[in-house]
Amino acid sequence: MSKKLIYIVDDEEDILDILSMILSKGGYDFKTFLSPLDLLKEFSTKKPDAILSDFRMPEMNGVELLKSVRSTHQSLPFIIISAQIEKSQMIEAIDLGVTGVVEKPFKDQDLLAKLSKALNKA
């Protein structure tokens, strides 16, 4: 069985490094992006098995990215990682079919469990 490919997007390199280490330990393949626009460019040619996205990023937030992904892929697992997300934005994410939200700070095993559960539902 081939490893699942996870796209990770966050505008902070330190967070990308941490998430990369966690996914590597979890046995996943991954590709990191500092920009959601770069992720969307790659997404147009190669689809991952899931996306982990920061919520607050300069070019577009995680819900806006989710909306772009959902316009073509309704069931792709999409998890938002955030230190804080407003209630209205959380409701919009739920309406768009977000697979899960992980609050910062998080435990490695909690993130991996949520990702595994999301992939098993897909």
N, C-alpha and C. Protein backbone atom coordinates (compact mmCIF):
# COMPACT_ATOMS: atom_id res chain seq x y z
N MET A 1 0.84 -1.18 0.00
CA MET A 1 0.00 0.00 0.00
C MET A 1 0.89 1.25 0.00
N SER A 2 0.60 2.19 -0.88
CA SER A 2 1.42 3.39 -0.97
C SER A 2 1.06 4.37 0.15
N LYS A 3 2.03 5.18 0.49
CA LYS A 3 1.81 6.18 1.53
C LYS A 3 0.84 7.25 1.03
N LYS A 4 0.05 7.78 1.94
CA LYS A 4 -0.87 8.87 1.61
C LYS A 4 -0.08 10.17 1.48
N LEU A 5 -0.44 10.97 0.48
CA LEU A 5 0.21 12.27 0.25
C LEU A 5 -0.64 13.37 0.89
N ILE A 6 -0.01 14.13 1.77
CA ILE A 6 -0.68 15.22 2.47
C ILE A 6 -0.03 16.53 2.07
N TYR A 7 -0.85 17.50 1.65
CA TYR A 7 -0.36 18.86 1.41
C TYR A 7 -0.51 19.63 2.72
N ILE A 8 0.55 20.36 3.09
CA ILE A 8 0.56 21.18 4.30
C ILE A 8 0.82 22.62 3.89
N VAL A 9 -0.03 23.54 4.35
CA VAL A 9 0.21 24.95 4.05
C VAL A 9 0.16 25.77 5.33
N ASP A 10 1.19 26.57 5.50
CA ASP A 10 1.29 27.49 6.64
C ASP A 10 2.30 28.56 6.24
N ASP A 11 2.05 29.79 6.63
CA ASP A 11 2.97 30.87 6.26
C ASP A 11 4.17 30.96 7.20
N GLU A 12 4.26 30.07 8.18
CA GLU A 12 5.40 30.05 9.10
C GLU A 12 6.22 28.79 8.87
N GLU A 13 7.48 28.97 8.49
CA GLU A 13 8.34 27.82 8.20
C GLU A 13 8.52 26.91 9.41
N ASP A 14 8.61 27.49 10.62
CA ASP A 14 8.78 26.67 11.82
C ASP A 14 7.61 25.69 12.00
N ILE A 15 6.40 26.17 11.74
CA ILE A 15 5.22 25.30 11.86
C ILE A 15 5.25 24.22 10.79
N LEU A 16 5.64 24.59 9.57
CA LEU A 16 5.77 23.58 8.50
C LEU A 16 6.77 22.50 8.89
N ASP A 17 7.88 22.91 9.50
CA ASP A 17 8.89 21.93 9.94
C ASP A 17 8.33 20.98 10.98
N ILE A 18 7.59 21.53 11.94
CA ILE A 18 6.99 20.70 13.00
C ILE A 18 5.98 19.73 12.39
N LEU A 19 5.09 20.25 11.54
CA LEU A 19 4.08 19.38 10.91
C LEU A 19 4.73 18.32 10.04
N SER A 20 5.79 18.67 9.35
CA SER A 20 6.52 17.71 8.51
C SER A 20 7.08 16.57 9.35
N MET A 21 7.67 16.91 10.50
CA MET A 21 8.22 15.87 11.38
C MET A 21 7.11 14.95 11.89
N ILE A 22 5.98 15.54 12.26
CA ILE A 22 4.87 14.74 12.78
C ILE A 22 4.36 13.78 11.70
N LEU A 23 4.15 14.30 10.50
CA LEU A 23 3.63 13.45 9.42
C LEU A 23 4.64 12.39 9.01
N SER A 24 5.91 12.74 9.03
CA SER A 24 6.95 11.77 8.70
C SER A 24 6.92 10.62 9.71
N LYS A 25 6.82 10.95 11.00
CA LYS A 25 6.72 9.92 12.05
C LYS A 25 5.46 9.07 11.88
N GLY A 26 4.41 9.70 11.36
CA GLY A 26 3.15 9.01 11.15
C GLY A 26 3.13 8.15 9.88
N GLY A 27 4.20 8.21 9.10
CA GLY A 27 4.30 7.37 7.91
C GLY A 27 3.67 7.96 6.66
N TYR A 28 3.48 9.28 6.63
CA TYR A 28 2.86 9.94 5.48
C TYR A 28 3.90 10.57 4.58
N ASP A 29 3.60 10.65 3.29
CA ASP A 29 4.33 11.50 2.38
C ASP A 29 3.68 12.87 2.47
N PHE A 30 4.42 13.92 2.22
CA PHE A 30 3.85 15.26 2.33
C PHE A 30 4.59 16.23 1.43
N LYS A 31 3.93 17.30 1.15
CA LYS A 31 4.55 18.43 0.42
C LYS A 31 4.12 19.68 1.16
N THR A 32 5.07 20.58 1.41
CA THR A 32 4.78 21.79 2.17
C THR A 32 4.70 23.00 1.25
N PHE A 33 3.89 23.96 1.68
CA PHE A 33 3.69 25.20 0.94
C PHE A 33 3.66 26.35 1.94
N LEU A 34 4.38 27.43 1.64
CA LEU A 34 4.32 28.64 2.46
C LEU A 34 3.15 29.53 2.05
N SER A 35 2.56 29.23 0.90
CA SER A 35 1.49 30.06 0.36
C SER A 35 0.33 29.19 -0.11
N PRO A 36 -0.90 29.56 0.26
CA PRO A 36 -2.05 28.83 -0.25
C PRO A 36 -2.18 28.94 -1.78
N LEU A 37 -1.70 30.03 -2.34
CA LEU A 37 -1.75 30.19 -3.79
C LEU A 37 -0.83 29.18 -4.48
N ASP A 38 0.33 28.93 -3.88
CA ASP A 38 1.23 27.91 -4.42
C ASP A 38 0.59 26.52 -4.31
N LEU A 39 -0.08 26.27 -3.20
CA LEU A 39 -0.78 24.99 -3.05
C LEU A 39 -1.83 24.83 -4.14
N LEU A 40 -2.61 25.86 -4.38
CA LEU A 40 -3.66 25.78 -5.41
C LEU A 40 -3.07 25.54 -6.80
N LYS A 41 -1.92 26.14 -7.06
CA LYS A 41 -1.26 25.94 -8.35
C LYS A 41 -0.89 24.46 -8.52
N GLU A 42 -0.29 23.89 -7.49
CA GLU A 42 0.08 22.47 -7.50
C GLU A 42 -1.16 21.58 -7.54
N PHE A 43 -2.19 21.98 -6.81
CA PHE A 43 -3.44 21.22 -6.71
C PHE A 43 -4.11 21.07 -8.08
N SER A 44 -3.88 22.03 -8.95
CA SER A 44 -4.51 21.96 -10.28
C SER A 44 -3.92 20.83 -11.13
N THR A 45 -2.73 20.34 -10.77
CA THR A 45 -2.11 19.26 -11.54
C THR A 45 -1.95 17.96 -10.77
N LYS A 46 -1.85 18.03 -9.46
CA LYS A 46 -1.65 16.82 -8.64
C LYS A 46 -2.49 16.93 -7.38
N LYS A 47 -3.33 15.93 -7.16
CA LYS A 47 -4.23 15.94 -6.00
C LYS A 47 -3.64 15.13 -4.85
N PRO A 48 -3.64 15.71 -3.65
CA PRO A 48 -3.19 14.97 -2.48
C PRO A 48 -4.33 14.11 -1.94
N ASP A 49 -4.03 13.33 -0.92
CA ASP A 49 -5.06 12.55 -0.23
C ASP A 49 -5.75 13.38 0.84
N ALA A 50 -5.10 14.45 1.29
CA ALA A 50 -5.67 15.35 2.29
C ALA A 50 -4.87 16.65 2.32
N ILE A 51 -5.48 17.69 2.92
CA ILE A 51 -4.81 18.98 3.10
C ILE A 51 -4.89 19.38 4.57
N LEU A 52 -3.74 19.81 5.10
CA LEU A 52 -3.67 20.44 6.42
C LEU A 52 -3.37 21.91 6.17
N SER A 53 -4.23 22.79 6.66
CA SER A 53 -4.05 24.21 6.37
C SER A 53 -4.10 25.05 7.64
N ASP A 54 -3.17 25.97 7.73
CA ASP A 54 -3.25 27.00 8.77
C ASP A 54 -4.50 27.83 8.50
N PHE A 55 -5.02 28.48 9.52
CA PHE A 55 -6.18 29.34 9.29
C PHE A 55 -5.75 30.74 8.86
N ARG A 56 -4.86 31.36 9.62
CA ARG A 56 -4.46 32.75 9.33
C ARG A 56 -3.21 32.79 8.46
N MET A 57 -3.41 33.24 7.22
CA MET A 57 -2.30 33.42 6.28
C MET A 57 -2.55 34.72 5.53
N PRO A 58 -1.48 35.40 5.08
CA PRO A 58 -1.66 36.72 4.45
C PRO A 58 -2.47 36.73 3.15
N GLU A 59 -2.26 35.77 2.28
CA GLU A 59 -2.90 35.81 0.96
C GLU A 59 -4.37 35.40 0.98
N MET A 60 -4.67 34.41 1.77
CA MET A 60 -6.05 33.95 1.95
C MET A 60 -6.07 33.09 3.21
N ASN A 61 -7.21 33.06 3.89
CA ASN A 61 -7.25 32.26 5.11
C ASN A 61 -7.64 30.81 4.76
N GLY A 62 -7.62 29.97 5.77
CA GLY A 62 -7.91 28.55 5.57
C GLY A 62 -9.30 28.28 5.04
N VAL A 63 -10.28 29.08 5.46
CA VAL A 63 -11.66 28.89 4.97
C VAL A 63 -11.75 29.27 3.48
N GLU A 64 -11.06 30.32 3.09
CA GLU A 64 -11.04 30.71 1.67
C GLU A 64 -10.37 29.63 0.82
N LEU A 65 -9.30 29.05 1.35
CA LEU A 65 -8.64 27.94 0.65
C LEU A 65 -9.58 26.74 0.55
N LEU A 66 -10.26 26.44 1.64
CA LEU A 66 -11.23 25.34 1.65
C LEU A 66 -12.30 25.56 0.59
N LYS A 67 -12.78 26.79 0.48
CA LYS A 67 -13.80 27.12 -0.53
C LYS A 67 -13.27 26.84 -1.93
N SER A 68 -12.03 27.21 -2.21
CA SER A 68 -11.44 26.96 -3.52
C SER A 68 -11.31 25.46 -3.80
N VAL A 69 -10.87 24.71 -2.80
CA VAL A 69 -10.72 23.27 -2.96
C VAL A 69 -12.08 22.61 -3.16
N ARG A 70 -13.08 23.03 -2.39
CA ARG A 70 -14.41 22.43 -2.48
C ARG A 70 -15.11 22.73 -3.81
N SER A 71 -14.66 23.75 -4.52
CA SER A 71 -15.28 24.06 -5.81
C SER A 71 -15.06 22.94 -6.83
N THR A 72 -14.02 22.14 -6.62
CA THR A 72 -13.76 21.03 -7.54
C THR A 72 -13.70 19.66 -6.86
N HIS A 73 -13.46 19.63 -5.56
CA HIS A 73 -13.31 18.35 -4.83
C HIS A 73 -14.09 18.40 -3.52
N GLN A 74 -15.31 17.90 -3.58
CA GLN A 74 -16.23 17.99 -2.44
C GLN A 74 -15.82 17.14 -1.23
N SER A 75 -15.14 16.03 -1.46
CA SER A 75 -14.91 15.11 -0.35
C SER A 75 -13.46 14.96 0.08
N LEU A 76 -12.55 15.77 -0.48
CA LEU A 76 -11.15 15.68 -0.08
C LEU A 76 -11.00 16.07 1.39
N PRO A 77 -10.38 15.21 2.21
CA PRO A 77 -10.18 15.58 3.62
C PRO A 77 -9.39 16.88 3.75
N PHE A 78 -9.92 17.79 4.55
CA PHE A 78 -9.34 19.13 4.72
C PHE A 78 -9.43 19.48 6.19
N ILE A 79 -8.27 19.66 6.82
CA ILE A 79 -8.21 19.98 8.25
C ILE A 79 -7.58 21.35 8.42
N ILE A 80 -8.24 22.19 9.19
CA ILE A 80 -7.72 23.53 9.50
C ILE A 80 -7.03 23.48 10.85
N ILE A 81 -5.85 24.09 10.91
CA ILE A 81 -5.09 24.19 12.15
C ILE A 81 -5.05 25.66 12.55
N SER A 82 -5.47 25.96 13.78
CA SER A 82 -5.55 27.37 14.16
C SER A 82 -5.40 27.58 15.65
N ALA A 83 -4.78 28.71 15.99
CA ALA A 83 -4.72 29.12 17.40
C ALA A 83 -6.04 29.75 17.80
N GLN A 84 -6.69 30.39 16.83
CA GLN A 84 -8.00 30.97 17.11
C GLN A 84 -8.77 31.13 15.81
N ILE A 85 -10.03 30.80 15.87
CA ILE A 85 -10.90 30.94 14.73
C ILE A 85 -12.23 31.46 15.25
N GLU A 86 -12.75 32.47 14.61
CA GLU A 86 -14.00 33.07 15.06
C GLU A 86 -15.17 32.14 14.78
N LYS A 87 -16.20 32.27 15.59
CA LYS A 87 -17.37 31.40 15.47
C LYS A 87 -17.98 31.45 14.07
N SER A 88 -18.10 32.65 13.50
CA SER A 88 -18.70 32.78 12.17
C SER A 88 -17.86 32.07 11.11
N GLN A 89 -16.54 32.13 11.27
CA GLN A 89 -15.65 31.46 10.33
C GLN A 89 -15.72 29.94 10.50
N MET A 90 -15.87 29.51 11.74
CA MET A 90 -16.02 28.07 12.02
C MET A 90 -17.31 27.55 11.38
N ILE A 91 -18.38 28.30 11.49
CA ILE A 91 -19.66 27.90 10.90
C ILE A 91 -19.52 27.82 9.38
N GLU A 92 -18.85 28.80 8.78
CA GLU A 92 -18.64 28.78 7.33
C GLU A 92 -17.82 27.55 6.93
N ALA A 93 -16.78 27.23 7.70
CA ALA A 93 -15.94 26.06 7.41
C ALA A 93 -16.77 24.78 7.49
N ILE A 94 -17.63 24.69 8.49
CA ILE A 94 -18.49 23.51 8.64
C ILE A 94 -19.45 23.42 7.47
N ASP A 95 -20.03 24.55 7.08
CA ASP A 95 -20.94 24.57 5.93
C ASP A 95 -20.25 24.13 4.64
N LEU A 96 -18.95 24.43 4.53
CA LEU A 96 -18.18 24.06 3.34
C LEU A 96 -17.66 22.62 3.42
N GLY A 97 -17.88 21.98 4.55
CA GLY A 97 -17.49 20.58 4.69
C GLY A 97 -16.08 20.34 5.18
N VAL A 98 -15.59 21.23 6.06
CA VAL A 98 -14.27 21.00 6.64
C VAL A 98 -14.31 19.65 7.36
N THR A 99 -13.22 18.90 7.24
CA THR A 99 -13.17 17.57 7.85
C THR A 99 -12.88 17.67 9.34
N GLY A 100 -12.12 18.68 9.73
CA GLY A 100 -11.78 18.83 11.14
C GLY A 100 -11.03 20.11 11.39
N VAL A 101 -10.98 20.47 12.66
CA VAL A 101 -10.21 21.64 13.10
C VAL A 101 -9.33 21.18 14.25
N VAL A 102 -8.07 21.54 14.18
CA VAL A 102 -7.12 21.21 15.24
C VAL A 102 -6.65 22.52 15.83
N GLU A 103 -6.80 22.65 17.15
CA GLU A 103 -6.40 23.89 17.82
C GLU A 103 -4.93 23.84 18.23
N LYS A 104 -4.23 24.96 17.98
CA LYS A 104 -2.85 25.12 18.46
C LYS A 104 -2.92 25.57 19.91
N PRO A 105 -2.07 25.11 20.77
CA PRO A 105 -1.10 24.05 20.53
C PRO A 105 -1.79 22.68 20.51
N PHE A 106 -1.21 21.74 19.81
CA PHE A 106 -1.81 20.41 19.70
C PHE A 106 -0.76 19.36 20.02
N LYS A 107 -1.24 18.17 20.34
CA LYS A 107 -0.35 17.04 20.59
C LYS A 107 -0.20 16.28 19.28
N ASP A 108 1.00 15.78 19.03
CA ASP A 108 1.27 15.03 17.80
C ASP A 108 0.24 13.94 17.55
N GLN A 109 -0.02 13.14 18.60
CA GLN A 109 -0.93 12.00 18.44
C GLN A 109 -2.36 12.45 18.15
N ASP A 110 -2.76 13.62 18.65
CA ASP A 110 -4.11 14.12 18.36
C ASP A 110 -4.24 14.50 16.89
N LEU A 111 -3.22 15.16 16.36
CA LEU A 111 -3.23 15.54 14.94
C LEU A 111 -3.24 14.29 14.06
N LEU A 112 -2.37 13.32 14.37
CA LEU A 112 -2.31 12.10 13.57
C LEU A 112 -3.62 11.31 13.64
N ALA A 113 -4.24 11.29 14.82
CA ALA A 113 -5.51 10.57 14.96
C ALA A 113 -6.60 11.24 14.12
N LYS A 114 -6.66 12.57 14.14
CA LYS A 114 -7.67 13.28 13.36
C LYS A 114 -7.43 13.07 11.87
N LEU A 115 -6.17 13.10 11.45
CA LEU A 115 -5.85 12.89 10.04
C LEU A 115 -6.20 11.47 9.61
N SER A 116 -5.86 10.49 10.43
CA SER A 116 -6.15 9.09 10.10
C SER A 116 -7.66 8.88 9.99
N LYS A 117 -8.41 9.44 10.92
CA LYS A 117 -9.87 9.32 10.89
C LYS A 117 -10.44 9.96 9.62
N ALA A 118 -9.92 11.13 9.25
CA ALA A 118 -10.39 11.83 8.05
C ALA A 118 -10.10 11.01 6.78
N LEU A 119 -8.91 10.42 6.72
CA LEU A 119 -8.54 9.63 5.56
C LEU A 119 -9.36 8.34 5.46
N ASN A 120 -9.70 7.76 6.60
CA ASN A 120 -10.49 6.53 6.59
C ASN A 120 -11.93 6.78 6.16
N LYS A 121 -12.42 7.99 6.38
CA LYS A 121 -13.79 8.36 5.95
C LYS A 121 -13.84 8.64 4.46
N ALA A 122 -12.71 9.08 3.89
CA ALA A 122 -12.69 9.51 2.47
C ALA A 122 -12.90 8.35 1.51
